[in-house]
Amino acid sequence: MIVEKIFAYLEGGEKTAKEDALRVAMERLTKSLTNQFSSAARTRDPGTLKLYPSEAGKCERQIEYKALGIPGEPMLADVQFKLAMGDLIELALLYVIAHVPGLAVSDNNMIRDIVIGGRAWRGATDGIHRHDDGKRRNLEVKSASGIGFKMTRQKGVDDNFGYLTQASAYCRQLLADRVIDPPGETIFLYIDRDSMKLWETIVPYDAGLADAADQKFIRVINAVGAHKILPRPYTLERGNVLPLNCRYCSHKFTYWTEPRQVVMFENNQPVYREPPTVRLDMIMDKNKPSWVVRGGIQ
């Protein structure tokens, strides 16, 4: 549907640069680099409630922490570069897509209002794909590590990081705005950051996931208004090991430490306001970092 046309274009004859596609790419490049390497871009004003549609599938307690402007664990240099390179790879792929003959993708990185939890929030969709038969679908471009790419190809797109919930929340809005056609589908276009291989799959709109995103945002809005912290939505794995969603969360120390406190960092080490009775310790599991909760969980 998409991958074959991309390869045919790249391995074909002469290519020219489109000025409008180049302009969009440069605007997105500027925004991406600013977001990844600017502390100010990562900090929200706690006085103004601001949620993002891209958070629809994420942990509601993490969403609340960010909305309140609570700082998270500083990212290591290699993680910052990895995230930035993922953005650049996705940007390059969307730039190429804009040049492929016979590949109709519009609304590249379009900013639009997306209603979640009864309120409109500003978000960006990667694009809208119009198939040869005229059917329009939401397009999501994702980059993944070699291992992540392989697992996604084998098992399909999952909701571990909220991709399916986000896509369904977007699809609901796009259907309401008549931007895509019923019943509402998303094309996930994946690129392997290691091998640069491409893979695509179509995922249907799930009204249940969109409704769950509504309820999540409502809980966050109400909790912020009541000055209360939401309960933990995840439980520990065997051996008190953090679940997958928590391992990659920059707020995991504040999330799990007791007594409850905002954990700050100096030289990438946690600094506690009160001596913790429950804390996180990092361990290595199959050459990968993991975290274990030490102490009694209330």
Protein backbone atom coordinates (compact mmCIF):
# COMPACT_ATOMS: atom_id res chain seq x y z
CA MET A 1 0.00 0.00 0.00
CA ILE A 2 2.68 2.51 1.06
CA VAL A 3 5.98 0.65 1.51
CA GLU A 4 6.19 -0.70 -2.04
CA LYS A 5 5.62 2.76 -3.52
CA ILE A 6 8.30 4.29 -1.28
CA PHE A 7 10.89 1.73 -2.35
CA ALA A 8 9.93 2.05 -6.00
CA TYR A 9 10.45 5.82 -5.79
CA LEU A 10 13.75 5.69 -3.89
CA GLU A 11 15.22 3.02 -6.16
CA GLY A 12 13.90 4.65 -9.31
CA GLY A 13 15.14 7.47 -11.52
CA GLU A 14 15.68 11.18 -11.07
CA LYS A 15 14.35 12.92 -7.97
CA THR A 16 13.58 16.56 -7.26
CA ALA A 17 12.87 18.42 -4.04
CA LYS A 18 9.44 19.95 -3.47
CA GLU A 19 9.65 23.37 -1.85
CA ASP A 20 6.49 22.95 0.24
CA ALA A 21 7.63 19.55 1.55
CA LEU A 22 11.04 21.00 2.38
CA ARG A 23 9.45 23.91 4.24
CA VAL A 24 7.25 21.60 6.32
CA ALA A 25 10.25 19.37 7.08
CA MET A 26 12.34 22.32 8.25
CA GLU A 27 9.52 23.58 10.49
CA ARG A 28 9.13 20.16 12.03
CA LEU A 29 12.92 19.79 12.40
CA THR A 30 13.11 23.07 14.30
CA LYS A 31 10.27 22.04 16.60
CA SER A 32 11.71 18.57 17.19
CA LEU A 33 15.20 19.77 18.09
CA THR A 34 13.76 22.47 20.35
CA ASN A 35 11.54 19.97 22.16
CA GLN A 36 14.33 17.42 22.61
CA PHE A 37 17.13 19.73 23.68
CA SER A 38 15.40 22.62 25.46
CA SER A 39 14.47 22.40 29.14
CA ALA A 40 11.94 25.20 28.74
CA ALA A 41 10.08 23.27 26.02
CA ARG A 42 9.64 20.31 28.40
CA THR A 43 8.26 22.31 31.33
CA ARG A 44 4.57 23.18 31.59
CA ASP A 45 3.00 26.06 33.43
CA PRO A 46 1.17 24.48 36.39
CA GLY A 47 -1.15 27.49 36.46
CA THR A 48 -2.68 26.56 33.09
CA LEU A 49 -4.03 23.06 32.61
CA LYS A 50 -2.61 21.70 29.38
CA LEU A 51 -3.01 18.11 28.22
CA TYR A 52 -1.94 16.63 24.91
CA PRO A 53 -3.93 14.18 22.76
CA SER A 54 -0.72 12.16 22.30
CA GLU A 55 -0.97 11.37 26.04
CA ALA A 56 -4.34 9.65 25.61
CA GLY A 57 -2.86 6.19 26.07
CA LYS A 58 -0.31 7.02 28.74
CA CYS A 59 -0.36 6.56 32.50
CA GLU A 60 -2.87 8.97 34.03
CA ARG A 61 -0.66 9.65 37.03
CA GLN A 62 2.20 10.58 34.70
CA ILE A 63 -0.15 12.86 32.76
CA GLU A 64 -1.13 14.57 36.02
CA TYR A 65 2.50 15.00 37.11
CA LYS A 66 3.32 16.68 33.80
CA ALA A 67 0.23 18.87 33.95
CA LEU A 68 1.28 20.03 37.42
CA GLY A 69 4.78 20.87 36.18
CA ILE A 70 6.40 18.26 38.45
CA PRO A 71 9.93 17.63 37.13
CA GLY A 72 10.92 14.15 36.08
CA GLU A 73 14.20 12.28 36.08
CA PRO A 74 16.68 13.97 33.70
CA MET A 75 17.32 11.88 30.63
CA LEU A 76 20.80 10.54 29.99
CA ALA A 77 22.62 11.90 26.96
CA ASP A 78 22.27 8.68 24.95
CA VAL A 79 18.51 8.61 25.56
CA GLN A 80 18.16 12.22 24.41
CA PHE A 81 20.05 11.46 21.21
CA LYS A 82 18.05 8.29 20.67
CA LEU A 83 14.74 10.15 20.94
CA ALA A 84 15.97 12.94 18.69
CA MET A 85 17.21 10.48 16.07
CA GLY A 86 13.84 8.73 16.14
CA ASP A 87 12.14 12.05 15.39
CA LEU A 88 14.60 12.81 12.57
CA ILE A 89 14.09 9.40 10.99
CA GLU A 90 10.30 9.80 11.08
CA LEU A 91 10.67 13.30 9.66
CA ALA A 92 12.82 12.04 6.79
CA LEU A 93 10.30 9.30 6.03
CA LEU A 94 7.41 11.77 5.89
CA TYR A 95 9.52 14.03 3.65
CA VAL A 96 10.10 11.15 1.22
CA ILE A 97 6.40 10.23 1.30
CA ALA A 98 5.55 13.75 0.12
CA HIS A 99 7.54 13.09 -3.09
CA VAL A 100 6.31 9.59 -4.01
CA PRO A 101 4.21 9.62 -7.21
CA GLY A 102 0.83 7.95 -6.73
CA LEU A 103 1.09 8.08 -2.95
CA ALA A 104 -1.59 10.46 -1.71
CA VAL A 105 -0.78 11.64 1.81
CA SER A 106 -2.08 15.04 2.91
CA ASP A 107 -2.24 17.06 6.13
CA ASN A 108 1.39 16.28 7.01
CA ASN A 109 1.87 17.08 10.72
CA MET A 110 -1.45 18.94 10.75
CA ILE A 111 -2.26 20.75 14.01
CA ARG A 112 -5.94 20.31 14.89
CA ASP A 113 -8.35 20.29 17.83
CA ILE A 114 -8.97 16.81 19.22
CA VAL A 115 -11.74 16.41 21.79
CA ILE A 116 -10.92 14.08 24.68
CA GLY A 117 -12.75 14.12 28.00
CA GLY A 118 -15.23 16.69 26.73
CA ARG A 119 -12.58 19.33 25.97
CA ALA A 120 -10.63 20.22 22.85
CA TRP A 121 -6.84 19.88 23.02
CA ARG A 122 -4.33 20.87 20.36
CA GLY A 123 -2.60 17.91 18.73
CA ALA A 124 -0.91 16.92 15.50
CA THR A 125 -1.70 14.03 13.16
CA ASP A 126 1.10 12.64 10.98
CA GLY A 127 -1.02 12.55 7.85
CA ILE A 128 -4.12 11.36 6.02
CA HIS A 129 -3.65 8.62 3.43
CA ARG A 130 -6.00 8.30 0.48
CA HIS A 131 -5.88 4.83 -1.05
CA ASP A 132 -6.17 4.14 -4.78
CA ASP A 133 -9.87 3.34 -4.24
CA GLY A 134 -10.39 6.76 -2.61
CA LYS A 135 -10.68 5.54 0.99
CA ARG A 136 -9.05 7.87 3.50
CA ARG A 137 -7.25 6.62 6.63
CA ASN A 138 -5.31 8.12 9.51
CA LEU A 139 -1.53 7.67 9.14
CA GLU A 140 0.83 7.14 12.09
CA VAL A 141 4.58 7.00 11.44
CA LYS A 142 6.65 5.27 14.15
CA SER A 143 10.33 4.45 14.51
CA ALA A 144 11.45 1.50 16.61
CA SER A 145 14.63 -0.26 17.65
CA GLY A 146 15.54 -3.43 15.82
CA ILE A 147 14.10 -5.57 18.60
CA GLY A 148 10.96 -3.45 18.92
CA PHE A 149 10.45 -3.53 15.15
CA LYS A 150 10.78 -7.32 15.05
CA MET A 151 8.35 -7.84 17.93
CA THR A 152 5.78 -5.46 16.42
CA ARG A 153 5.93 -7.30 13.09
CA GLN A 154 5.45 -10.62 14.87
CA LYS A 155 2.71 -9.64 17.34
CA GLY A 156 1.18 -6.53 15.78
CA VAL A 157 0.81 -3.05 17.27
CA ASP A 158 0.07 -3.19 21.00
CA ASP A 159 -1.03 -0.58 23.53
CA ASN A 160 1.93 -0.85 25.92
CA PHE A 161 2.88 2.75 25.17
CA GLY A 162 -0.63 3.90 24.29
CA TYR A 163 -0.31 3.86 20.49
CA LEU A 164 -3.67 2.14 19.92
CA THR A 165 -5.53 4.40 22.34
CA GLN A 166 -3.99 7.50 20.79
CA ALA A 167 -4.88 6.31 17.27
CA SER A 168 -8.49 5.62 18.29
CA ALA A 169 -8.86 9.02 19.96
CA TYR A 170 -7.53 10.65 16.80
CA CYS A 171 -9.72 8.52 14.53
CA ARG A 172 -12.86 9.45 16.43
CA GLN A 173 -12.12 13.14 15.86
CA LEU A 174 -11.16 12.63 12.23
CA LEU A 175 -14.38 10.71 11.63
CA ALA A 176 -16.40 13.49 13.27
CA ASP A 177 -14.62 16.07 11.09
CA ARG A 178 -15.15 13.86 8.01
CA VAL A 179 -11.43 13.82 7.34
CA ILE A 180 -11.27 10.01 7.11
CA ASP A 181 -13.88 7.52 5.96
CA PRO A 182 -15.93 5.10 8.08
CA PRO A 183 -15.46 2.81 9.87
CA GLY A 184 -12.20 4.60 10.68
CA GLU A 185 -8.76 3.00 10.35
CA THR A 186 -5.15 3.88 11.07
CA ILE A 187 -2.18 2.85 8.96
CA PHE A 188 0.83 2.33 11.18
CA LEU A 189 4.01 2.77 9.16
CA TYR A 190 7.04 1.54 11.11
CA ILE A 191 10.71 2.10 10.34
CA ASP A 192 13.51 0.10 11.96
CA ARG A 193 16.07 2.59 13.31
CA ASP A 194 18.84 -0.02 12.95
CA SER A 195 18.22 -1.58 9.53
CA MET A 196 15.92 1.11 8.04
CA LYS A 197 13.44 -1.57 6.99
CA LEU A 198 9.80 -0.52 6.64
CA TRP A 199 6.60 -2.29 7.63
CA GLU A 200 2.95 -1.27 7.57
CA THR A 201 -0.28 -2.54 9.04
CA ILE A 202 -3.88 -1.34 9.29
CA VAL A 203 -5.57 -1.10 12.70
CA PRO A 204 -9.32 -0.44 13.08
CA TYR A 205 -10.81 2.33 15.19
CA ASP A 206 -11.71 1.10 18.69
CA ALA A 207 -14.50 3.15 20.29
CA GLY A 208 -13.82 1.48 23.64
CA LEU A 209 -10.25 2.78 23.72
CA ALA A 210 -11.40 6.28 22.77
CA ASP A 211 -14.00 6.22 25.55
CA ALA A 212 -11.35 5.02 28.02
CA ALA A 213 -9.19 8.01 27.01
CA ASP A 214 -12.16 10.28 27.80
CA GLN A 215 -12.52 8.85 31.29
CA LYS A 216 -8.77 9.08 31.89
CA PHE A 217 -8.60 12.77 30.95
CA ILE A 218 -11.67 13.50 33.10
CA ARG A 219 -9.98 11.83 36.10
CA VAL A 220 -6.85 13.91 35.50
CA ILE A 221 -8.83 17.16 35.15
CA ASN A 222 -10.81 16.44 38.34
CA ALA A 223 -7.70 15.42 40.30
CA VAL A 224 -5.83 18.58 39.31
CA GLY A 225 -8.84 20.69 40.29
CA ALA A 226 -9.15 18.93 43.64
CA HIS A 227 -5.38 19.08 44.31
CA LYS A 228 -5.24 15.30 44.68
CA ILE A 229 -2.81 12.76 43.22
CA LEU A 230 -4.40 9.90 41.33
CA PRO A 231 -3.80 6.33 42.53
CA ARG A 232 -1.25 4.14 40.79
CA PRO A 233 -2.81 2.44 37.74
CA TYR A 234 -0.12 -0.26 37.54
CA THR A 235 1.01 -3.04 39.86
CA LEU A 236 4.48 -4.45 40.36
CA GLU A 237 5.68 -7.58 38.61
CA ARG A 238 7.11 -10.60 40.38
CA GLY A 239 10.00 -9.69 42.66
CA ASN A 240 8.68 -6.10 43.00
CA VAL A 241 10.07 -5.24 39.57
CA LEU A 242 8.56 -2.20 37.84
CA PRO A 243 6.12 -3.00 35.01
CA LEU A 244 7.12 -2.08 31.46
CA ASN A 245 5.19 1.21 31.43
CA CYS A 246 6.98 2.43 34.56
CA ARG A 247 10.52 1.48 33.51
CA TYR A 248 10.61 4.13 30.80
CA CYS A 249 8.78 6.80 32.82
CA SER A 250 10.78 9.85 33.92
CA HIS A 251 8.53 10.19 37.00
CA LYS A 252 9.02 6.66 38.31
CA PHE A 253 10.96 7.78 41.43
CA THR A 254 8.28 10.28 42.45
CA TYR A 255 5.65 7.71 41.48
CA TRP A 256 6.91 4.88 43.71
CA THR A 257 8.82 6.55 46.56
CA GLU A 258 7.26 6.65 50.03
CA PRO A 259 6.70 8.83 51.99
CA ARG A 260 5.14 10.57 48.99
CA GLN A 261 7.40 13.35 47.73
CA VAL A 262 8.73 14.97 44.58
CA VAL A 263 12.12 13.33 44.03
CA MET A 264 14.72 15.69 42.57
CA PHE A 265 18.04 14.77 40.98
CA GLU A 266 21.66 15.86 41.21
CA ASN A 267 24.23 14.30 38.89
CA ASN A 268 21.50 11.86 37.82
CA GLN A 269 21.11 10.59 41.39
CA PRO A 270 17.83 10.90 43.34
CA VAL A 271 17.69 13.45 46.15
CA TYR A 272 14.96 12.85 48.72
CA ARG A 273 13.24 15.51 50.82
CA GLU A 274 12.47 12.85 53.42
CA PRO A 275 14.35 9.58 54.02
CA PRO A 276 12.46 7.00 51.93
CA THR A 277 10.90 3.94 53.50
CA VAL A 278 10.21 2.75 49.94
CA ARG A 279 12.67 3.47 47.15
CA LEU A 280 13.77 2.29 43.71
CA ASP A 281 17.02 0.45 43.03
CA MET A 282 18.32 -0.15 39.52
CA ILE A 283 19.38 -3.67 38.53
CA MET A 284 20.65 -5.14 35.28
CA ASP A 285 18.45 -7.80 33.70
CA LYS A 286 19.87 -9.45 30.58
CA ASN A 287 22.14 -6.44 30.01
CA LYS A 288 19.19 -4.05 30.28
CA PRO A 289 18.40 -1.70 33.17
CA SER A 290 15.40 -2.50 35.32
CA TRP A 291 14.16 -1.20 38.65
CA VAL A 292 13.11 -2.96 41.85
CA VAL A 293 11.01 -1.45 44.62
CA ARG A 294 12.64 -1.91 48.03
CA GLY A 295 10.54 -1.58 51.18
CA GLY A 296 6.90 -2.07 52.09
CA ILE A 297 4.37 -0.79 49.55
CA GLN A 298 1.28 0.80 51.09
